Amino acid sequence: MTTKCTMFGIEIDAISMDTAAKTLARWLESPHARCRYVVTPNVDHIVKLRNSLAFQAAYAGASMVLADGKPLVLASRMMGRALKETVPGSDLVPSLLHQARSMNQPMRVFLLGAGSGVAERAARIIAQRWPNVLIVGTCSPPFGFETLPSECNRILDEIAAAEPDLLIVGLGAPKQELWVHEYRARIHAKVAICAGATIDFIAGEKARAPVWMRKTGLEWLHRIVTEPRRLLRRYAHDALVFPTVLVKELVSNAVARNK
């Protein structure tokens, strides 16, 4: 049974990258009909979760919740609820695709998200890197598609026709989590991973931080340097708000332990 780490109002699975990937691989080979989806909270998610009931509902409906970011791991240790390690979606997806080598049938994958042509480039790279992975479809939805029922229906029909085992969703947070949660009963895939910029990373559209920066928790700095116009304001806001959220959580945790 998976150990849960409860903090910031959500339950995070305290498992390693390897365990997460192997668990998802088992789900992909199971006859389970309902789509199970994965979310990967980071500091920005924690800040957004405070004031969004819809985002909270999306998290509550997830089948796997994995910590994406050193601050969450450090916070868990401060509360005596240590998470094993960070399990970012951008590392989880390649780790899961690697699991395809030991599967009896090719892993059927659909890529949803990223800009025009990016998912197609990612599909070609995946086919070269992981031979037992079969990309059965890609879709780069237009801006604002989530507000158009007809467009959502078109995309859901496209996914259903492709019959994927795995749906990789790269729409950005909280859009990807809200969309998957809203349409989870109509997503014809065994597993959906809300994976942020993962499709862009695989395609080479965006550069990942060097490994040493990821291991030391400095990937945020690399992303600010490479995408300042998009991320600087968001990261600055989170840097101001998250310490307050953390202090409240620590106080609440201390009070609960002393009762």
C-alpha atoms as a PDB file:
ATOM      1  CA  MET A   1       0.000   0.000   0.000  1.00  0.00           C
ATOM      2  CA  THR A   2       1.323   3.445  -0.930  1.00  0.00           C
ATOM      3  CA  THR A   3       2.254   5.725   1.959  1.00  0.00           C
ATOM      4  CA  LYS A   4       0.513   9.081   1.797  1.00  0.00           C
ATOM      5  CA  CYS A   5       2.003  12.364   2.951  1.00  0.00           C
ATOM      6  CA  THR A   6      -0.779  14.799   3.835  1.00  0.00           C
ATOM      7  CA  MET A   7       0.095  18.489   3.729  1.00  0.00           C
ATOM      8  CA  PHE A   8      -1.200  21.733   2.227  1.00  0.00           C
ATOM      9  CA  GLY A   9      -4.619  20.109   2.031  1.00  0.00           C
ATOM     10  CA  ILE A  10      -3.588  17.371  -0.410  1.00  0.00           C
ATOM     11  CA  GLU A  11      -2.339  13.797  -0.153  1.00  0.00           C
ATOM     12  CA  ILE A  12       0.990  13.159  -1.875  1.00  0.00           C
ATOM     13  CA  ASP A  13       2.210   9.642  -2.665  1.00  0.00           C
ATOM     14  CA  ALA A  14       5.510   9.122  -0.834  1.00  0.00           C
ATOM     15  CA  ILE A  15       7.104   6.913  -3.467  1.00  0.00           C
ATOM     16  CA  SER A  16      10.238   6.953  -5.603  1.00  0.00           C
ATOM     17  CA  MET A  17      10.488   7.648  -9.316  1.00  0.00           C
ATOM     18  CA  ASP A  18      11.116   3.969 -10.021  1.00  0.00           C
ATOM     19  CA  THR A  19       8.104   2.840  -7.994  1.00  0.00           C
ATOM     20  CA  ALA A  20       5.863   5.435  -9.644  1.00  0.00           C
ATOM     21  CA  ALA A  21       6.913   4.392 -13.156  1.00  0.00           C
ATOM     22  CA  LYS A  22       6.503   0.680 -12.434  1.00  0.00           C
ATOM     23  CA  THR A  23       3.089   1.252 -10.848  1.00  0.00           C
ATOM     24  CA  LEU A  24       1.900   3.203 -13.872  1.00  0.00           C
ATOM     25  CA  ALA A  25       3.243   0.504 -16.196  1.00  0.00           C
ATOM     26  CA  ARG A  26       1.123  -2.047 -14.309  1.00  0.00           C
ATOM     27  CA  TRP A  27      -1.919   0.192 -14.674  1.00  0.00           C
ATOM     28  CA  LEU A  28      -1.295   0.424 -18.411  1.00  0.00           C
ATOM     29  CA  GLU A  29      -1.276  -3.367 -18.722  1.00  0.00           C
ATOM     30  CA  SER A  30      -4.386  -3.846 -16.595  1.00  0.00           C
ATOM     31  CA  PRO A  31      -7.905  -4.169 -18.038  1.00  0.00           C
ATOM     32  CA  HIS A  32      -9.023  -1.227 -15.875  1.00  0.00           C
ATOM     33  CA  ALA A  33     -11.608   0.797 -17.802  1.00  0.00           C
ATOM     34  CA  ARG A  34     -11.721   4.115 -15.952  1.00  0.00           C
ATOM     35  CA  CYS A  35      -9.018   6.659 -16.777  1.00  0.00           C
ATOM     36  CA  ARG A  36      -6.680   7.169 -13.825  1.00  0.00           C
ATOM     37  CA  TYR A  37      -4.805  10.441 -13.869  1.00  0.00           C
ATOM     38  CA  VAL A  38      -1.590  11.723 -12.333  1.00  0.00           C
ATOM     39  CA  VAL A  39      -0.811  15.212 -11.024  1.00  0.00           C
ATOM     40  CA  THR A  40       2.561  16.546  -9.892  1.00  0.00           C
ATOM     41  CA  PRO A  41       2.280  19.436  -7.401  1.00  0.00           C
ATOM     42  CA  ASN A  42       4.973  22.071  -7.124  1.00  0.00           C
ATOM     43  CA  VAL A  43       5.132  25.391  -5.257  1.00  0.00           C
ATOM     44  CA  ASP A  44       3.001  27.136  -7.898  1.00  0.00           C
ATOM     45  CA  HIS A  45       0.293  24.470  -7.558  1.00  0.00           C
ATOM     46  CA  ILE A  46       0.256  24.829  -3.767  1.00  0.00           C
ATOM     47  CA  VAL A  47      -0.218  28.586  -4.110  1.00  0.00           C
ATOM     48  CA  LYS A  48      -3.014  28.170  -6.681  1.00  0.00           C
ATOM     49  CA  LEU A  49      -4.777  25.460  -4.657  1.00  0.00           C
ATOM     50  CA  ARG A  50      -5.504  27.863  -1.792  1.00  0.00           C
ATOM     51  CA  ASN A  51      -8.218  29.774  -3.643  1.00  0.00           C
ATOM     52  CA  SER A  52      -9.527  27.362  -6.277  1.00  0.00           C
ATOM     53  CA  LEU A  53     -12.177  24.809  -5.341  1.00  0.00           C
ATOM     54  CA  ALA A  54     -12.081  23.437  -8.885  1.00  0.00           C
ATOM     55  CA  PHE A  55      -8.313  22.851  -8.660  1.00  0.00           C
ATOM     56  CA  GLN A  56      -8.774  21.201  -5.256  1.00  0.00           C
ATOM     57  CA  ALA A  57     -11.420  18.894  -6.751  1.00  0.00           C
ATOM     58  CA  ALA A  58      -9.062  17.974  -9.580  1.00  0.00           C
ATOM     59  CA  TYR A  59      -6.417  17.017  -7.047  1.00  0.00           C
ATOM     60  CA  ALA A  60      -8.890  15.029  -4.955  1.00  0.00           C
ATOM     61  CA  GLY A  61      -9.828  12.993  -8.017  1.00  0.00           C
ATOM     62  CA  ALA A  62      -6.264  12.081  -8.990  1.00  0.00           C
ATOM     63  CA  SER A  63      -5.155   8.468  -8.653  1.00  0.00           C
ATOM     64  CA  MET A  64      -1.505   9.417  -8.104  1.00  0.00           C
ATOM     65  CA  VAL A  65      -0.072  12.651  -6.687  1.00  0.00           C
ATOM     66  CA  LEU A  66       3.704  13.097  -6.944  1.00  0.00           C
ATOM     67  CA  ALA A  67       5.889  15.885  -5.566  1.00  0.00           C
ATOM     68  CA  ASP A  68       7.491  17.998  -8.277  1.00  0.00           C
ATOM     69  CA  GLY A  69       9.984  20.245  -6.513  1.00  0.00           C
ATOM     70  CA  LYS A  70      12.500  20.264  -3.671  1.00  0.00           C
ATOM     71  CA  PRO A  71      10.506  22.753  -1.547  1.00  0.00           C
ATOM     72  CA  LEU A  72       7.745  20.185  -1.058  1.00  0.00           C
ATOM     73  CA  VAL A  73      10.221  17.472  -0.076  1.00  0.00           C
ATOM     74  CA  LEU A  74      11.938  19.816   2.392  1.00  0.00           C
ATOM     75  CA  ALA A  75       8.574  20.930   3.802  1.00  0.00           C
ATOM     76  CA  SER A  76       7.557  17.310   4.365  1.00  0.00           C
ATOM     77  CA  ARG A  77      10.749  16.681   6.316  1.00  0.00           C
ATOM     78  CA  MET A  78      10.106  19.747   8.473  1.00  0.00           C
ATOM     79  CA  MET A  79       6.747  18.206   9.368  1.00  0.00           C
ATOM     80  CA  GLY A  80       8.107  14.729  10.010  1.00  0.00           C
ATOM     81  CA  ARG A  81       6.323  13.316   6.967  1.00  0.00           C
ATOM     82  CA  ALA A  82       9.278  12.806   4.694  1.00  0.00           C
ATOM     83  CA  LEU A  83       8.675  12.291   1.000  1.00  0.00           C
ATOM     84  CA  LYS A  84      11.204   9.944  -0.575  1.00  0.00           C
ATOM     85  CA  GLU A  85      12.241  12.243  -3.428  1.00  0.00           C
ATOM     86  CA  THR A  86      10.932  14.570  -6.098  1.00  0.00           C
ATOM     87  CA  VAL A  87       9.107  12.904  -8.986  1.00  0.00           C
ATOM     88  CA  PRO A  88       8.699  15.609 -11.662  1.00  0.00           C
ATOM     89  CA  GLY A  89       6.425  14.872 -14.582  1.00  0.00           C
ATOM     90  CA  SER A  90       9.210  15.764 -17.014  1.00  0.00           C
ATOM     91  CA  ASP A  91      11.293  12.912 -15.573  1.00  0.00           C
ATOM     92  CA  LEU A  92       8.404  10.549 -14.870  1.00  0.00           C
ATOM     93  CA  VAL A  93       7.248  10.400 -18.498  1.00  0.00           C
ATOM     94  CA  PRO A  94      10.628   9.244 -19.907  1.00  0.00           C
ATOM     95  CA  SER A  95      10.955   6.797 -17.007  1.00  0.00           C
ATOM     96  CA  LEU A  96       7.534   5.350 -17.816  1.00  0.00           C
ATOM     97  CA  LEU A  97       8.264   5.164 -21.556  1.00  0.00           C
ATOM     98  CA  HIS A  98      11.410   3.235 -20.652  1.00  0.00           C
ATOM     99  CA  GLN A  99       9.190   0.671 -18.903  1.00  0.00           C
ATOM    100  CA  ALA A 100       7.656  -0.156 -22.290  1.00  0.00           C
ATOM    101  CA  ARG A 101      10.665  -2.351 -23.094  1.00  0.00           C
ATOM    102  CA  SER A 102       9.354  -5.040 -20.708  1.00  0.00           C
ATOM    103  CA  MET A 103       5.696  -4.840 -21.741  1.00  0.00           C
ATOM    104  CA  ASN A 104       4.075  -7.603 -23.759  1.00  0.00           C
ATOM    105  CA  GLN A 105       2.479  -5.165 -26.209  1.00  0.00           C
ATOM    106  CA  PRO A 106       3.684  -1.772 -27.484  1.00  0.00           C
ATOM    107  CA  MET A 107       2.693   1.118 -25.212  1.00  0.00           C
ATOM    108  CA  ARG A 108       0.133   3.166 -27.147  1.00  0.00           C
ATOM    109  CA  VAL A 109       0.584   6.885 -26.418  1.00  0.00           C
ATOM    110  CA  PHE A 110      -1.305  10.046 -27.372  1.00  0.00           C
ATOM    111  CA  LEU A 111       0.326  13.487 -26.980  1.00  0.00           C
ATOM    112  CA  LEU A 112      -2.028  16.369 -26.167  1.00  0.00           C
ATOM    113  CA  GLY A 113      -0.592  19.861 -25.910  1.00  0.00           C
ATOM    114  CA  ALA A 114       2.394  22.046 -26.877  1.00  0.00           C
ATOM    115  CA  GLY A 115       2.532  24.386 -29.870  1.00  0.00           C
ATOM    116  CA  SER A 116       1.873  23.565 -33.489  1.00  0.00           C
ATOM    117  CA  GLY A 117       4.250  20.891 -34.779  1.00  0.00           C
ATOM    118  CA  VAL A 118       5.941  20.355 -31.411  1.00  0.00           C
ATOM    119  CA  ALA A 119       4.045  17.180 -30.475  1.00  0.00           C
ATOM    120  CA  GLU A 120       4.836  15.730 -33.898  1.00  0.00           C
ATOM    121  CA  ARG A 121       8.574  16.321 -33.328  1.00  0.00           C
ATOM    122  CA  ALA A 122       8.292  14.778 -29.878  1.00  0.00           C
ATOM    123  CA  ALA A 123       6.535  11.765 -31.438  1.00  0.00           C
ATOM    124  CA  ARG A 124       9.417  11.180 -33.858  1.00  0.00           C
ATOM    125  CA  ILE A 125      11.995  11.406 -31.056  1.00  0.00           C
ATOM    126  CA  ILE A 126       9.992   9.035 -28.844  1.00  0.00           C
ATOM    127  CA  ALA A 127       9.769   6.504 -31.688  1.00  0.00           C
ATOM    128  CA  GLN A 128      13.555   6.590 -32.096  1.00  0.00           C
ATOM    129  CA  ARG A 129      14.374   6.481 -28.384  1.00  0.00           C
ATOM    130  CA  TRP A 130      11.778   3.971 -27.155  1.00  0.00           C
ATOM    131  CA  PRO A 131      11.070   1.362 -29.870  1.00  0.00           C
ATOM    132  CA  ASN A 132       8.256  -0.355 -27.945  1.00  0.00           C
ATOM    133  CA  VAL A 133       6.292   2.897 -27.673  1.00  0.00           C
ATOM    134  CA  LEU A 134       3.727   3.567 -30.392  1.00  0.00           C
ATOM    135  CA  ILE A 135       2.549   7.159 -30.787  1.00  0.00           C
ATOM    136  CA  VAL A 136      -1.047   6.770 -31.967  1.00  0.00           C
ATOM    137  CA  GLY A 137      -1.954  10.450 -32.116  1.00  0.00           C
ATOM    138  CA  THR A 138      -0.988  14.041 -31.409  1.00  0.00           C
ATOM    139  CA  CYS A 139      -3.043  17.179 -30.927  1.00  0.00           C
ATOM    140  CA  SER A 140      -2.058  20.812 -30.360  1.00  0.00           C
ATOM    141  CA  PRO A 141      -5.368  22.415 -29.346  1.00  0.00           C
ATOM    142  CA  PRO A 142      -6.056  26.081 -30.101  1.00  0.00           C
ATOM    143  CA  PHE A 143      -5.873  28.706 -27.383  1.00  0.00           C
ATOM    144  CA  GLY A 144      -9.042  28.780 -25.287  1.00  0.00           C
ATOM    145  CA  PHE A 145     -10.257  25.393 -26.530  1.00  0.00           C
ATOM    146  CA  GLU A 146     -11.225  24.363 -22.993  1.00  0.00           C
ATOM    147  CA  THR A 147     -14.091  26.897 -23.039  1.00  0.00           C
ATOM    148  CA  LEU A 148     -15.562  25.453 -26.258  1.00  0.00           C
ATOM    149  CA  PRO A 149     -17.576  22.240 -25.756  1.00  0.00           C
ATOM    150  CA  SER A 150     -17.482  21.475 -29.476  1.00  0.00           C
ATOM    151  CA  GLU A 151     -13.674  21.649 -29.508  1.00  0.00           C
ATOM    152  CA  CYS A 152     -13.391  19.514 -26.376  1.00  0.00           C
ATOM    153  CA  ASN A 153     -15.724  16.950 -27.924  1.00  0.00           C
ATOM    154  CA  ARG A 154     -13.628  16.887 -31.086  1.00  0.00           C
ATOM    155  CA  ILE A 155     -10.446  16.253 -29.098  1.00  0.00           C
ATOM    156  CA  LEU A 156     -12.077  13.575 -26.951  1.00  0.00           C
ATOM    157  CA  ASP A 157     -13.346  11.829 -30.103  1.00  0.00           C
ATOM    158  CA  GLU A 158      -9.845  12.006 -31.613  1.00  0.00           C
ATOM    159  CA  ILE A 159      -8.348  10.418 -28.498  1.00  0.00           C
ATOM    160  CA  ALA A 160     -11.031   7.711 -28.430  1.00  0.00           C
ATOM    161  CA  ALA A 161     -10.450   6.849 -32.091  1.00  0.00           C
ATOM    162  CA  ALA A 162      -6.697   6.463 -31.460  1.00  0.00           C
ATOM    163  CA  GLU A 163      -7.267   4.050 -28.536  1.00  0.00           C
ATOM    164  CA  PRO A 164      -4.179   5.021 -26.492  1.00  0.00           C
ATOM    165  CA  ASP A 165      -3.114   3.352 -23.280  1.00  0.00           C
ATOM    166  CA  LEU A 166      -1.407   6.530 -22.076  1.00  0.00           C
ATOM    167  CA  LEU A 167      -2.431  10.160 -22.580  1.00  0.00           C
ATOM    168  CA  ILE A 168       0.336  12.706 -21.956  1.00  0.00           C
ATOM    169  CA  VAL A 169      -1.245  16.115 -21.335  1.00  0.00           C
ATOM    170  CA  GLY A 170       0.936  19.202 -21.691  1.00  0.00           C
ATOM    171  CA  LEU A 171      -1.434  22.152 -21.328  1.00  0.00           C
ATOM    172  CA  GLY A 172       0.084  23.853 -18.287  1.00  0.00           C
ATOM    173  CA  ALA A 173      -1.383  24.163 -14.808  1.00  0.00           C
ATOM    174  CA  PRO A 174      -4.108  24.412 -13.770  1.00  0.00           C
ATOM    175  CA  LYS A 175      -5.672  24.038 -17.233  1.00  0.00           C
ATOM    176  CA  GLN A 176      -4.445  20.468 -17.756  1.00  0.00           C
ATOM    177  CA  GLU A 177      -5.615  19.227 -14.349  1.00  0.00           C
ATOM    178  CA  LEU A 178      -9.001  20.945 -14.632  1.00  0.00           C
ATOM    179  CA  TRP A 179      -9.573  19.602 -18.150  1.00  0.00           C
ATOM    180  CA  VAL A 180      -8.603  16.022 -17.342  1.00  0.00           C
ATOM    181  CA  HIS A 181     -10.711  16.048 -14.182  1.00  0.00           C
ATOM    182  CA  GLU A 182     -13.755  17.459 -15.976  1.00  0.00           C
ATOM    183  CA  TYR A 183     -13.603  14.944 -18.816  1.00  0.00           C
ATOM    184  CA  ARG A 184     -12.087  11.969 -16.978  1.00  0.00           C
ATOM    185  CA  ALA A 185     -15.169   9.801 -17.605  1.00  0.00           C
ATOM    186  CA  ARG A 186     -14.860  10.402 -21.350  1.00  0.00           C
ATOM    187  CA  ILE A 187     -11.088  10.049 -21.750  1.00  0.00           C
ATOM    188  CA  HIS A 188     -10.487   6.714 -23.461  1.00  0.00           C
ATOM    189  CA  ALA A 189      -7.049   6.010 -22.023  1.00  0.00           C
ATOM    190  CA  LYS A 190      -6.033   3.906 -19.051  1.00  0.00           C
ATOM    191  CA  VAL A 191      -3.740   6.593 -17.640  1.00  0.00           C
ATOM    192  CA  ALA A 192      -3.428  10.350 -18.186  1.00  0.00           C
ATOM    193  CA  ILE A 193      -0.392  12.253 -16.898  1.00  0.00           C
ATOM    194  CA  CYS A 194      -0.663  16.016 -16.423  1.00  0.00           C
ATOM    195  CA  ALA A 195       2.904  16.665 -17.517  1.00  0.00           C
ATOM    196  CA  GLY A 196       3.345  20.409 -18.061  1.00  0.00           C
ATOM    197  CA  ALA A 197       6.171  21.213 -20.476  1.00  0.00           C
ATOM    198  CA  THR A 198       7.254  17.584 -20.932  1.00  0.00           C
ATOM    199  CA  ILE A 199       6.239  17.403 -24.607  1.00  0.00           C
ATOM    200  CA  ASP A 200       8.261  20.578 -25.267  1.00  0.00           C
ATOM    201  CA  PHE A 201      11.273  19.107 -23.453  1.00  0.00           C
ATOM    202  CA  ILE A 202      11.178  15.841 -25.401  1.00  0.00           C
ATOM    203  CA  ALA A 203      10.836  17.732 -28.703  1.00  0.00           C
ATOM    204  CA  GLY A 204      13.765  20.013 -27.820  1.00  0.00           C
ATOM    205  CA  GLU A 205      11.474  23.046 -28.008  1.00  0.00           C
ATOM    206  CA  LYS A 206      12.542  23.975 -24.482  1.00  0.00           C
ATOM    207  CA  ALA A 207      15.800  23.039 -22.765  1.00  0.00           C
ATOM    208  CA  ARG A 208      15.827  21.187 -19.469  1.00  0.00           C
ATOM    209  CA  ALA A 209      18.047  22.494 -16.707  1.00  0.00           C
ATOM    210  CA  PRO A 210      21.410  20.706 -16.292  1.00  0.00           C
ATOM    211  CA  VAL A 211      21.214  17.639 -14.060  1.00  0.00           C
ATOM    212  CA  TRP A 212      23.177  19.331 -11.266  1.00  0.00           C
ATOM    213  CA  MET A 213      20.605  22.147 -11.133  1.00  0.00           C
ATOM    214  CA  ARG A 214      17.744  19.651 -10.967  1.00  0.00           C
ATOM    215  CA  LYS A 215      19.403  17.697  -8.172  1.00  0.00           C
ATOM    216  CA  THR A 216      20.115  20.820  -6.129  1.00  0.00           C
ATOM    217  CA  GLY A 217      16.633  22.261  -6.569  1.00  0.00           C
ATOM    218  CA  LEU A 218      17.698  25.108  -8.875  1.00  0.00           C
ATOM    219  CA  GLU A 219      15.708  24.158 -11.953  1.00  0.00           C
ATOM    220  CA  TRP A 220      13.411  27.129 -11.262  1.00  0.00           C
ATOM    221  CA  LEU A 221      16.375  29.473 -11.789  1.00  0.00           C
ATOM    222  CA  HIS A 222      17.162  27.903 -15.151  1.00  0.00           C
ATOM    223  CA  ARG A 223      13.544  28.259 -16.249  1.00  0.00           C
ATOM    224  CA  ILE A 224      13.432  31.933 -15.251  1.00  0.00           C
ATOM    225  CA  VAL A 225      16.606  32.619 -17.238  1.00  0.00           C
ATOM    226  CA  THR A 226      15.316  30.792 -20.314  1.00  0.00           C
ATOM    227  CA  GLU A 227      11.692  32.048 -20.129  1.00  0.00           C
ATOM    228  CA  PRO A 228      11.770  35.342 -18.187  1.00  0.00           C
ATOM    229  CA  ARG A 229       8.743  36.979 -19.837  1.00  0.00           C
ATOM    230  CA  ARG A 230       6.481  34.016 -19.078  1.00  0.00           C
ATOM    231  CA  LEU A 231       7.797  32.877 -15.697  1.00  0.00           C
ATOM    232  CA  LEU A 232       9.454  35.752 -13.824  1.00  0.00           C
ATOM    233  CA  ARG A 233       6.239  37.290 -12.511  1.00  0.00           C
ATOM    234  CA  ARG A 234       4.793  33.901 -11.553  1.00  0.00           C
ATOM    235  CA  TYR A 235       7.920  32.783  -9.713  1.00  0.00           C
ATOM    236  CA  ALA A 236       8.196  36.134  -7.921  1.00  0.00           C
ATOM    237  CA  HIS A 237       4.568  35.880  -6.775  1.00  0.00           C
ATOM    238  CA  ASP A 238       5.050  32.300  -5.571  1.00  0.00           C
ATOM    239  CA  ALA A 239       8.252  33.281  -3.716  1.00  0.00           C
ATOM    240  CA  LEU A 240       6.271  35.881  -1.774  1.00  0.00           C
ATOM    241  CA  VAL A 241       3.205  33.744  -1.032  1.00  0.00           C
ATOM    242  CA  PHE A 242       4.602  30.261  -0.428  1.00  0.00           C
ATOM    243  CA  PRO A 243       6.589  31.100   2.763  1.00  0.00           C
ATOM    244  CA  THR A 244       3.371  32.345   4.363  1.00  0.00           C
ATOM    245  CA  VAL A 245       1.534  29.183   3.291  1.00  0.00           C
ATOM    246  CA  LEU A 246       4.384  27.063   4.654  1.00  0.00           C
ATOM    247  CA  VAL A 247       4.446  28.832   8.038  1.00  0.00           C
ATOM    248  CA  LYS A 248       0.680  28.357   8.416  1.00  0.00           C
ATOM    249  CA  GLU A 249       1.061  24.677   7.585  1.00  0.00           C
ATOM    250  CA  LEU A 250       3.898  24.242  10.088  1.00  0.00           C
ATOM    251  CA  VAL A 251       1.897  25.964  12.832  1.00  0.00           C
ATOM    252  CA  SER A 252      -1.185  23.889  12.053  1.00  0.00           C
ATOM    253  CA  ASN A 253       0.924  20.738  12.073  1.00  0.00           C
ATOM    254  CA  ALA A 254       2.490  21.626  15.440  1.00  0.00           C
ATOM    255  CA  VAL A 255      -0.895  22.378  17.003  1.00  0.00           C
ATOM    256  CA  ALA A 256      -2.308  19.073  15.756  1.00  0.00           C
ATOM    257  CA  ARG A 257       0.629  17.111  17.205  1.00  0.00           C
ATOM    258  CA  ASN A 258       0.300  18.799  20.612  1.00  0.00           C
ATOM    259  CA  LYS A 259      -3.398  18.091  21.027  1.00  0.00           C
END
